[in-house]
Amino acid sequence: MKPLLAILLLTTLASADQATRLKTFTLGLFAERDGQLKTARNTFEELLKKDPSAFPLALKTHQTQLRLNDATAATRTLRQFAETNRTQLPAQLSYANHLEQTAPHDSLAQQSALKTLAAANQNFPHNPAVFTPLINLYETTEQRPDSLALFQKQLNHQTENPAHWLALAPIAETLYPGGSEELAQILNTIYTNAEQTGLADPAIARRISEFHRNNNDLSQAIATLEKHLAESPASHSLRTRLGLLQRTNANDPEGEATLLQVLAI
């Protein structure tokens, strides 16, 4: 058989197989809609065997199993999928979250969640969606050296993503004594890095500005909003916030001018 003809044949077969699976999946959805949950479950489980890397299908199977009160099978579905698809981050997070929701105090469930999140951290080493629950789980299982080590690794990471830095702030507040000099220095590092890596996002700019205001540094809080507005001049809610801070900081003429500018816009 010629190579081109072989390719066309394989493509046709793949398309036909995909169409068949889509039709079967649709029948499962109809069965679920009509209250035939056992039929729907069987349909989704069989499809998952044929397509074991399709996470939406695994999630649908898991949900149907839960609706039939088969928690054991539902947990097994997520676990098996997570173990065989380590590079699919949503699968890892879904399984770990499921364990946290259903068995937060079970030692075996905690160990399974730790294993899952630790593996995810190897594949996604600086992702807040991974290191945040992993550090929290280390704390829950009284593994403080591990949580501190992972936190320090993230704190030392060089990244231009301000969301990475801001994700570390609430973690720092749980790991270090409130009001301590060590915590103050760490938070200052976190917010300084966040400010240097990007202020275009209004939510990020507001949070950083509020950090400075809560530390009684109104001048820096104002400067943060001014930098944000230089990048995002259409951010009128923060322009209003800037005017209020300027007036609070005894800069009445500047504050009044800023607020009048908002009214003019």
C-alpha atoms as a PDB file:
ATOM      1  CA  MET A   1       0.000   0.000   0.000  1.00  0.00           C
ATOM      2  CA  LYS A   2       1.327   3.424  -0.936  1.00  0.00           C
ATOM      3  CA  PRO A   3       2.237   5.732   2.027  1.00  0.00           C
ATOM      4  CA  LEU A   4      -0.280   8.438   1.071  1.00  0.00           C
ATOM      5  CA  LEU A   5      -3.085   5.916   0.703  1.00  0.00           C
ATOM      6  CA  ALA A   6      -2.165   4.377   4.073  1.00  0.00           C
ATOM      7  CA  ILE A   7      -2.272   7.780   5.747  1.00  0.00           C
ATOM      8  CA  LEU A   8      -5.664   8.568   4.218  1.00  0.00           C
ATOM      9  CA  LEU A   9      -7.021   5.195   5.354  1.00  0.00           C
ATOM     10  CA  LEU A  10      -5.764   5.666   8.919  1.00  0.00           C
ATOM     11  CA  THR A  11      -7.210   9.191   9.011  1.00  0.00           C
ATOM     12  CA  THR A  12     -10.581   7.909   7.821  1.00  0.00           C
ATOM     13  CA  LEU A  13     -10.595   5.148  10.411  1.00  0.00           C
ATOM     14  CA  ALA A  14      -9.624   7.587  13.173  1.00  0.00           C
ATOM     15  CA  SER A  15     -12.374   9.998  12.126  1.00  0.00           C
ATOM     16  CA  ALA A  16     -14.931   7.204  12.049  1.00  0.00           C
ATOM     17  CA  ASP A  17     -13.817   5.974  15.470  1.00  0.00           C
ATOM     18  CA  GLN A  18     -14.037   9.487  16.871  1.00  0.00           C
ATOM     19  CA  ALA A  19     -17.523   9.930  15.450  1.00  0.00           C
ATOM     20  CA  THR A  20     -18.613   6.628  17.004  1.00  0.00           C
ATOM     21  CA  ARG A  21     -17.263   7.635  20.409  1.00  0.00           C
ATOM     22  CA  LEU A  22     -18.952  11.013  20.195  1.00  0.00           C
ATOM     23  CA  LYS A  23     -22.255   9.343  19.349  1.00  0.00           C
ATOM     24  CA  THR A  24     -21.855   6.945  22.292  1.00  0.00           C
ATOM     25  CA  PHE A  25     -20.998   9.798  24.634  1.00  0.00           C
ATOM     26  CA  THR A  26     -24.111  11.666  23.502  1.00  0.00           C
ATOM     27  CA  LEU A  27     -26.228   8.601  24.246  1.00  0.00           C
ATOM     28  CA  GLY A  28     -24.713   8.559  27.731  1.00  0.00           C
ATOM     29  CA  LEU A  29     -25.675  12.196  28.218  1.00  0.00           C
ATOM     30  CA  PHE A  30     -29.242  11.456  27.121  1.00  0.00           C
ATOM     31  CA  ALA A  31     -29.412   8.528  29.537  1.00  0.00           C
ATOM     32  CA  GLU A  32     -28.185  10.772  32.340  1.00  0.00           C
ATOM     33  CA  ARG A  33     -30.761  13.398  31.428  1.00  0.00           C
ATOM     34  CA  ASP A  34     -33.520  10.821  31.522  1.00  0.00           C
ATOM     35  CA  GLY A  35     -32.487   9.592  34.956  1.00  0.00           C
ATOM     36  CA  GLN A  36     -30.969   6.335  33.687  1.00  0.00           C
ATOM     37  CA  LEU A  37     -27.815   6.808  35.740  1.00  0.00           C
ATOM     38  CA  LYS A  38     -26.650   3.186  35.645  1.00  0.00           C
ATOM     39  CA  THR A  39     -26.811   3.169  31.851  1.00  0.00           C
ATOM     40  CA  ALA A  40     -25.002   6.497  31.708  1.00  0.00           C
ATOM     41  CA  ARG A  41     -22.343   5.253  34.105  1.00  0.00           C
ATOM     42  CA  ASN A  42     -21.709   2.101  32.096  1.00  0.00           C
ATOM     43  CA  THR A  43     -21.470   4.147  28.912  1.00  0.00           C
ATOM     44  CA  PHE A  44     -18.941   6.610  30.342  1.00  0.00           C
ATOM     45  CA  GLU A  45     -16.863   3.869  31.981  1.00  0.00           C
ATOM     46  CA  GLU A  46     -16.593   1.921  28.711  1.00  0.00           C
ATOM     47  CA  LEU A  47     -15.641   5.049  26.789  1.00  0.00           C
ATOM     48  CA  LEU A  48     -12.966   5.868  29.366  1.00  0.00           C
ATOM     49  CA  LYS A  49     -11.394   2.438  28.846  1.00  0.00           C
ATOM     50  CA  LYS A  50     -11.103   3.236  25.141  1.00  0.00           C
ATOM     51  CA  ASP A  51      -9.835   6.781  25.698  1.00  0.00           C
ATOM     52  CA  PRO A  52      -7.896   6.692  29.004  1.00  0.00           C
ATOM     53  CA  SER A  53      -6.248  10.088  28.478  1.00  0.00           C
ATOM     54  CA  ALA A  54      -9.472  12.120  28.160  1.00  0.00           C
ATOM     55  CA  PHE A  55      -9.807  13.968  31.466  1.00  0.00           C
ATOM     56  CA  PRO A  56     -13.265  15.497  30.762  1.00  0.00           C
ATOM     57  CA  LEU A  57     -14.514  11.951  30.225  1.00  0.00           C
ATOM     58  CA  ALA A  58     -12.860  10.760  33.448  1.00  0.00           C
ATOM     59  CA  LEU A  59     -14.456  13.646  35.315  1.00  0.00           C
ATOM     60  CA  LYS A  60     -17.870  12.855  33.853  1.00  0.00           C
ATOM     61  CA  THR A  61     -17.469   9.209  34.870  1.00  0.00           C
ATOM     62  CA  HIS A  62     -16.454  10.270  38.378  1.00  0.00           C
ATOM     63  CA  GLN A  63     -19.464  12.573  38.716  1.00  0.00           C
ATOM     64  CA  THR A  64     -21.893   9.900  37.570  1.00  0.00           C
ATOM     65  CA  GLN A  65     -20.431   7.396  40.013  1.00  0.00           C
ATOM     66  CA  LEU A  66     -20.887   9.922  42.806  1.00  0.00           C
ATOM     67  CA  ARG A  67     -24.508  10.441  41.830  1.00  0.00           C
ATOM     68  CA  LEU A  68     -24.990   6.689  42.279  1.00  0.00           C
ATOM     69  CA  ASN A  69     -23.421   6.945  45.756  1.00  0.00           C
ATOM     70  CA  ASP A  70     -20.432   4.837  44.747  1.00  0.00           C
ATOM     71  CA  ALA A  71     -17.748   6.942  46.393  1.00  0.00           C
ATOM     72  CA  THR A  72     -15.179   4.155  46.208  1.00  0.00           C
ATOM     73  CA  ALA A  73     -15.448   3.871  42.426  1.00  0.00           C
ATOM     74  CA  ALA A  74     -15.508   7.655  42.028  1.00  0.00           C
ATOM     75  CA  THR A  75     -12.298   8.029  44.005  1.00  0.00           C
ATOM     76  CA  ARG A  76     -10.677   5.152  42.111  1.00  0.00           C
ATOM     77  CA  THR A  77     -11.522   6.778  38.763  1.00  0.00           C
ATOM     78  CA  LEU A  78      -9.764  10.016  39.653  1.00  0.00           C
ATOM     79  CA  ARG A  79      -6.836   8.216  41.275  1.00  0.00           C
ATOM     80  CA  GLN A  80      -6.174   5.915  38.324  1.00  0.00           C
ATOM     81  CA  PHE A  81      -6.449   8.758  35.862  1.00  0.00           C
ATOM     82  CA  ALA A  82      -4.100  10.977  37.889  1.00  0.00           C
ATOM     83  CA  GLU A  83      -1.540   8.191  38.241  1.00  0.00           C
ATOM     84  CA  THR A  84      -1.481   7.421  34.518  1.00  0.00           C
ATOM     85  CA  ASN A  85      -1.647  11.038  33.313  1.00  0.00           C
ATOM     86  CA  ARG A  86       0.846  12.900  35.490  1.00  0.00           C
ATOM     87  CA  THR A  87       1.341  15.707  32.974  1.00  0.00           C
ATOM     88  CA  GLN A  88      -2.344  16.687  33.023  1.00  0.00           C
ATOM     89  CA  LEU A  89      -2.410  19.238  35.819  1.00  0.00           C
ATOM     90  CA  PRO A  90      -6.229  19.529  36.150  1.00  0.00           C
ATOM     91  CA  ALA A  91      -6.387  15.784  36.843  1.00  0.00           C
ATOM     92  CA  GLN A  92      -3.806  16.031  39.637  1.00  0.00           C
ATOM     93  CA  LEU A  93      -5.530  18.984  41.262  1.00  0.00           C
ATOM     94  CA  SER A  94      -8.987  17.437  40.958  1.00  0.00           C
ATOM     95  CA  TYR A  95      -7.912  14.226  42.642  1.00  0.00           C
ATOM     96  CA  ALA A  96      -6.076  16.021  45.470  1.00  0.00           C
ATOM     97  CA  ASN A  97      -9.035  18.356  45.986  1.00  0.00           C
ATOM     98  CA  HIS A  98     -11.447  15.414  46.013  1.00  0.00           C
ATOM     99  CA  LEU A  99      -9.457  13.747  48.781  1.00  0.00           C
ATOM    100  CA  GLU A 100      -9.358  16.955  50.782  1.00  0.00           C
ATOM    101  CA  GLN A 101     -13.113  17.398  50.467  1.00  0.00           C
ATOM    102  CA  THR A 102     -14.121  13.806  51.198  1.00  0.00           C
ATOM    103  CA  ALA A 103     -11.498  12.651  53.711  1.00  0.00           C
ATOM    104  CA  PRO A 104      -9.683  15.666  55.182  1.00  0.00           C
ATOM    105  CA  HIS A 105      -8.558  13.822  58.324  1.00  0.00           C
ATOM    106  CA  ASP A 106      -7.852  10.379  56.867  1.00  0.00           C
ATOM    107  CA  SER A 107      -4.125   9.610  56.979  1.00  0.00           C
ATOM    108  CA  LEU A 108      -4.187   7.360  53.904  1.00  0.00           C
ATOM    109  CA  ALA A 109      -6.051   9.993  51.901  1.00  0.00           C
ATOM    110  CA  GLN A 110      -3.573  12.643  53.041  1.00  0.00           C
ATOM    111  CA  GLN A 111      -0.628  10.491  51.950  1.00  0.00           C
ATOM    112  CA  SER A 112      -2.234   9.891  48.566  1.00  0.00           C
ATOM    113  CA  ALA A 113      -2.850  13.618  48.142  1.00  0.00           C
ATOM    114  CA  LEU A 114       0.752  14.357  49.159  1.00  0.00           C
ATOM    115  CA  LYS A 115       2.045  11.879  46.615  1.00  0.00           C
ATOM    116  CA  THR A 116      -0.139  13.392  43.902  1.00  0.00           C
ATOM    117  CA  LEU A 117       0.788  17.008  44.640  1.00  0.00           C
ATOM    118  CA  ALA A 118       4.477  16.191  45.054  1.00  0.00           C
ATOM    119  CA  ALA A 119       4.465  14.544  41.627  1.00  0.00           C
ATOM    120  CA  ALA A 120       2.636  17.545  40.182  1.00  0.00           C
ATOM    121  CA  ASN A 121       5.231  19.822  41.747  1.00  0.00           C
ATOM    122  CA  GLN A 122       7.930  17.943  39.868  1.00  0.00           C
ATOM    123  CA  ASN A 123       6.152  18.560  36.562  1.00  0.00           C
ATOM    124  CA  PHE A 124       4.916  22.061  37.398  1.00  0.00           C
ATOM    125  CA  PRO A 125       7.551  23.293  39.899  1.00  0.00           C
ATOM    126  CA  HIS A 126       6.509  26.932  40.290  1.00  0.00           C
ATOM    127  CA  ASN A 127       2.746  26.850  39.839  1.00  0.00           C
ATOM    128  CA  PRO A 128       0.720  28.460  42.670  1.00  0.00           C
ATOM    129  CA  ALA A 129      -2.114  26.003  42.023  1.00  0.00           C
ATOM    130  CA  VAL A 130       0.299  23.238  43.036  1.00  0.00           C
ATOM    131  CA  PHE A 131       2.643  24.650  45.655  1.00  0.00           C
ATOM    132  CA  THR A 132      -0.121  26.344  47.649  1.00  0.00           C
ATOM    133  CA  PRO A 133      -2.145  23.184  48.467  1.00  0.00           C
ATOM    134  CA  LEU A 134       1.080  21.185  48.833  1.00  0.00           C
ATOM    135  CA  ILE A 135       2.460  23.560  51.474  1.00  0.00           C
ATOM    136  CA  ASN A 136      -0.918  23.592  53.239  1.00  0.00           C
ATOM    137  CA  LEU A 137      -0.934  19.788  53.260  1.00  0.00           C
ATOM    138  CA  TYR A 138       2.601  19.678  54.643  1.00  0.00           C
ATOM    139  CA  GLU A 139       1.381  21.937  57.435  1.00  0.00           C
ATOM    140  CA  THR A 140      -1.706  19.803  58.072  1.00  0.00           C
ATOM    141  CA  THR A 141       0.443  16.676  58.372  1.00  0.00           C
ATOM    142  CA  GLU A 142       2.933  18.507  60.623  1.00  0.00           C
ATOM    143  CA  GLN A 143       5.796  18.451  58.144  1.00  0.00           C
ATOM    144  CA  ARG A 144       7.027  21.979  58.815  1.00  0.00           C
ATOM    145  CA  PRO A 145      10.560  21.463  57.391  1.00  0.00           C
ATOM    146  CA  ASP A 146       9.043  20.416  54.057  1.00  0.00           C
ATOM    147  CA  SER A 147       6.622  23.343  53.938  1.00  0.00           C
ATOM    148  CA  LEU A 148       9.385  25.843  54.800  1.00  0.00           C
ATOM    149  CA  ALA A 149      11.746  24.345  52.228  1.00  0.00           C
ATOM    150  CA  LEU A 150       9.136  24.497  49.462  1.00  0.00           C
ATOM    151  CA  PHE A 151       8.140  28.031  50.432  1.00  0.00           C
ATOM    152  CA  GLN A 152      11.767  29.175  50.382  1.00  0.00           C
ATOM    153  CA  LYS A 153      12.245  27.585  46.972  1.00  0.00           C
ATOM    154  CA  GLN A 154       9.318  29.600  45.612  1.00  0.00           C
ATOM    155  CA  LEU A 155      10.541  32.768  47.331  1.00  0.00           C
ATOM    156  CA  ASN A 156      13.947  32.368  45.657  1.00  0.00           C
ATOM    157  CA  HIS A 157      12.448  31.680  42.240  1.00  0.00           C
ATOM    158  CA  GLN A 158      13.057  34.374  39.641  1.00  0.00           C
ATOM    159  CA  THR A 159       9.876  35.044  37.688  1.00  0.00           C
ATOM    160  CA  GLU A 160       8.130  37.932  35.975  1.00  0.00           C
ATOM    161  CA  ASN A 161       4.714  36.662  37.065  1.00  0.00           C
ATOM    162  CA  PRO A 162       3.255  38.884  39.839  1.00  0.00           C
ATOM    163  CA  ALA A 163       0.572  36.274  40.591  1.00  0.00           C
ATOM    164  CA  HIS A 164       3.355  33.945  41.714  1.00  0.00           C
ATOM    165  CA  TRP A 165       4.536  36.463  44.298  1.00  0.00           C
ATOM    166  CA  LEU A 166       1.093  37.377  45.579  1.00  0.00           C
ATOM    167  CA  ALA A 167       0.249  33.691  46.075  1.00  0.00           C
ATOM    168  CA  LEU A 168       3.126  33.531  48.566  1.00  0.00           C
ATOM    169  CA  ALA A 169       1.818  36.317  50.822  1.00  0.00           C
ATOM    170  CA  PRO A 170      -0.963  34.387  52.638  1.00  0.00           C
ATOM    171  CA  ILE A 171       1.339  31.368  52.912  1.00  0.00           C
ATOM    172  CA  ALA A 172       4.013  33.480  54.597  1.00  0.00           C
ATOM    173  CA  GLU A 173       1.438  34.748  57.082  1.00  0.00           C
ATOM    174  CA  THR A 174       0.686  31.151  58.126  1.00  0.00           C
ATOM    175  CA  LEU A 175       4.311  30.016  58.319  1.00  0.00           C
ATOM    176  CA  TYR A 176       5.852  32.905  60.249  1.00  0.00           C
ATOM    177  CA  PRO A 177       4.776  34.596  63.511  1.00  0.00           C
ATOM    178  CA  GLY A 178       2.480  37.569  63.039  1.00  0.00           C
ATOM    179  CA  GLY A 179       4.179  40.869  63.769  1.00  0.00           C
ATOM    180  CA  SER A 180       7.670  39.372  63.583  1.00  0.00           C
ATOM    181  CA  GLU A 181      10.518  41.122  61.816  1.00  0.00           C
ATOM    182  CA  GLU A 182      11.104  38.000  59.720  1.00  0.00           C
ATOM    183  CA  LEU A 183       7.532  38.047  58.398  1.00  0.00           C
ATOM    184  CA  ALA A 184       7.746  41.780  57.687  1.00  0.00           C
ATOM    185  CA  GLN A 185      10.914  41.312  55.637  1.00  0.00           C
ATOM    186  CA  ILE A 186       9.467  38.398  53.689  1.00  0.00           C
ATOM    187  CA  LEU A 187       6.253  40.261  52.889  1.00  0.00           C
ATOM    188  CA  ASN A 188       8.252  43.284  51.804  1.00  0.00           C
ATOM    189  CA  THR A 189      10.242  41.039  49.434  1.00  0.00           C
ATOM    190  CA  ILE A 190       7.063  39.484  48.074  1.00  0.00           C
ATOM    191  CA  TYR A 191       5.254  42.749  47.387  1.00  0.00           C
ATOM    192  CA  THR A 192       8.364  44.454  46.037  1.00  0.00           C
ATOM    193  CA  ASN A 193       8.859  41.642  43.529  1.00  0.00           C
ATOM    194  CA  ALA A 194       5.175  41.685  42.622  1.00  0.00           C
ATOM    195  CA  GLU A 195       5.295  45.422  41.997  1.00  0.00           C
ATOM    196  CA  GLN A 196       8.429  45.162  39.880  1.00  0.00           C
ATOM    197  CA  THR A 197       7.017  42.408  37.683  1.00  0.00           C
ATOM    198  CA  GLY A 198       3.785  44.065  36.647  1.00  0.00           C
ATOM    199  CA  LEU A 199       1.109  46.528  37.733  1.00  0.00           C
ATOM    200  CA  ALA A 200      -1.150  46.493  34.695  1.00  0.00           C
ATOM    201  CA  ASP A 201      -3.748  44.284  36.374  1.00  0.00           C
ATOM    202  CA  PRO A 202      -6.097  46.398  38.557  1.00  0.00           C
ATOM    203  CA  ALA A 203      -6.579  43.663  41.158  1.00  0.00           C
ATOM    204  CA  ILE A 204      -2.835  43.235  41.579  1.00  0.00           C
ATOM    205  CA  ALA A 205      -2.192  46.980  41.748  1.00  0.00           C
ATOM    206  CA  ARG A 206      -4.964  47.448  44.325  1.00  0.00           C
ATOM    207  CA  ARG A 207      -3.640  44.632  46.504  1.00  0.00           C
ATOM    208  CA  ILE A 208      -0.081  45.959  46.459  1.00  0.00           C
ATOM    209  CA  SER A 209      -1.286  49.488  47.186  1.00  0.00           C
ATOM    210  CA  GLU A 210      -3.353  48.220  50.109  1.00  0.00           C
ATOM    211  CA  PHE A 211      -0.300  46.417  51.491  1.00  0.00           C
ATOM    212  CA  HIS A 212       1.589  49.718  51.608  1.00  0.00           C
ATOM    213  CA  ARG A 213      -1.402  51.553  53.075  1.00  0.00           C
ATOM    214  CA  ASN A 214      -1.835  48.962  55.816  1.00  0.00           C
ATOM    215  CA  ASN A 215       1.827  49.463  56.648  1.00  0.00           C
ATOM    216  CA  ASN A 216       1.191  53.203  57.035  1.00  0.00           C
ATOM    217  CA  ASP A 217       3.138  54.051  53.888  1.00  0.00           C
ATOM    218  CA  LEU A 218       0.612  56.192  52.047  1.00  0.00           C
ATOM    219  CA  SER A 219       3.244  57.691  49.765  1.00  0.00           C
ATOM    220  CA  GLN A 220       4.156  54.258  48.418  1.00  0.00           C
ATOM    221  CA  ALA A 221       0.494  53.259  48.177  1.00  0.00           C
ATOM    222  CA  ILE A 222      -0.117  56.341  46.050  1.00  0.00           C
ATOM    223  CA  ALA A 223       2.998  55.741  43.943  1.00  0.00           C
ATOM    224  CA  THR A 224       1.827  52.189  43.209  1.00  0.00           C
ATOM    225  CA  LEU A 225      -1.524  53.408  41.879  1.00  0.00           C
ATOM    226  CA  GLU A 226       0.180  56.119  39.836  1.00  0.00           C
ATOM    227  CA  LYS A 227       2.412  53.485  38.207  1.00  0.00           C
ATOM    228  CA  HIS A 228      -0.641  51.347  37.504  1.00  0.00           C
ATOM    229  CA  LEU A 229      -2.509  54.213  35.875  1.00  0.00           C
ATOM    230  CA  ALA A 230       0.502  54.989  33.720  1.00  0.00           C
ATOM    231  CA  GLU A 231       0.157  51.459  32.296  1.00  0.00           C
ATOM    232  CA  SER A 232      -3.649  51.258  32.389  1.00  0.00           C
ATOM    233  CA  PRO A 233      -5.108  54.785  32.079  1.00  0.00           C
ATOM    234  CA  ALA A 234      -8.653  53.436  31.651  1.00  0.00           C
ATOM    235  CA  SER A 235      -8.653  51.998  35.191  1.00  0.00           C
ATOM    236  CA  HIS A 236     -11.110  54.556  36.556  1.00  0.00           C
ATOM    237  CA  SER A 237     -11.949  52.745  39.787  1.00  0.00           C
ATOM    238  CA  LEU A 238      -8.316  52.890  40.846  1.00  0.00           C
ATOM    239  CA  ARG A 239      -8.064  56.483  39.681  1.00  0.00           C
ATOM    240  CA  THR A 240     -10.851  57.215  42.155  1.00  0.00           C
ATOM    241  CA  ARG A 241      -8.949  55.266  44.804  1.00  0.00           C
ATOM    242  CA  LEU A 242      -5.846  57.318  44.028  1.00  0.00           C
ATOM    243  CA  GLY A 243      -7.736  60.558  44.549  1.00  0.00           C
ATOM    244  CA  LEU A 244      -9.033  59.403  47.932  1.00  0.00           C
ATOM    245  CA  LEU A 245      -5.562  58.356  49.064  1.00  0.00           C
ATOM    246  CA  GLN A 246      -4.098  61.641  47.931  1.00  0.00           C
ATOM    247  CA  ARG A 247      -6.641  63.531  50.018  1.00  0.00           C
ATOM    248  CA  THR A 248      -5.975  61.237  52.990  1.00  0.00           C
ATOM    249  CA  ASN A 249      -2.278  61.983  52.588  1.00  0.00           C
ATOM    250  CA  ALA A 250      -3.004  65.713  52.948  1.00  0.00           C
ATOM    251  CA  ASN A 251      -2.561  66.305  49.232  1.00  0.00           C
ATOM    252  CA  ASP A 252      -5.976  67.901  48.858  1.00  0.00           C
ATOM    253  CA  PRO A 253      -5.237  69.797  45.617  1.00  0.00           C
ATOM    254  CA  GLU A 254      -3.866  66.668  43.928  1.00  0.00           C
ATOM    255  CA  GLY A 255      -6.682  64.512  45.257  1.00  0.00           C
ATOM    256  CA  GLU A 256      -9.318  66.975  44.128  1.00  0.00           C
ATOM    257  CA  ALA A 257      -7.735  67.197  40.673  1.00  0.00           C
ATOM    258  CA  THR A 258      -7.672  63.401  40.351  1.00  0.00           C
ATOM    259  CA  LEU A 259     -11.322  63.055  41.385  1.00  0.00           C
ATOM    260  CA  LEU A 260     -12.367  65.839  39.025  1.00  0.00           C
ATOM    261  CA  GLN A 261     -10.530  64.007  36.267  1.00  0.00           C
ATOM    262  CA  VAL A 262     -12.624  60.912  37.011  1.00  0.00           C
ATOM    263  CA  LEU A 263     -15.800  62.989  36.776  1.00  0.00           C
ATOM    264  CA  ALA A 264     -14.651  64.482  33.509  1.00  0.00           C
ATOM    265  CA  ILE A 265     -13.977  61.023  32.072  1.00  0.00           C
END
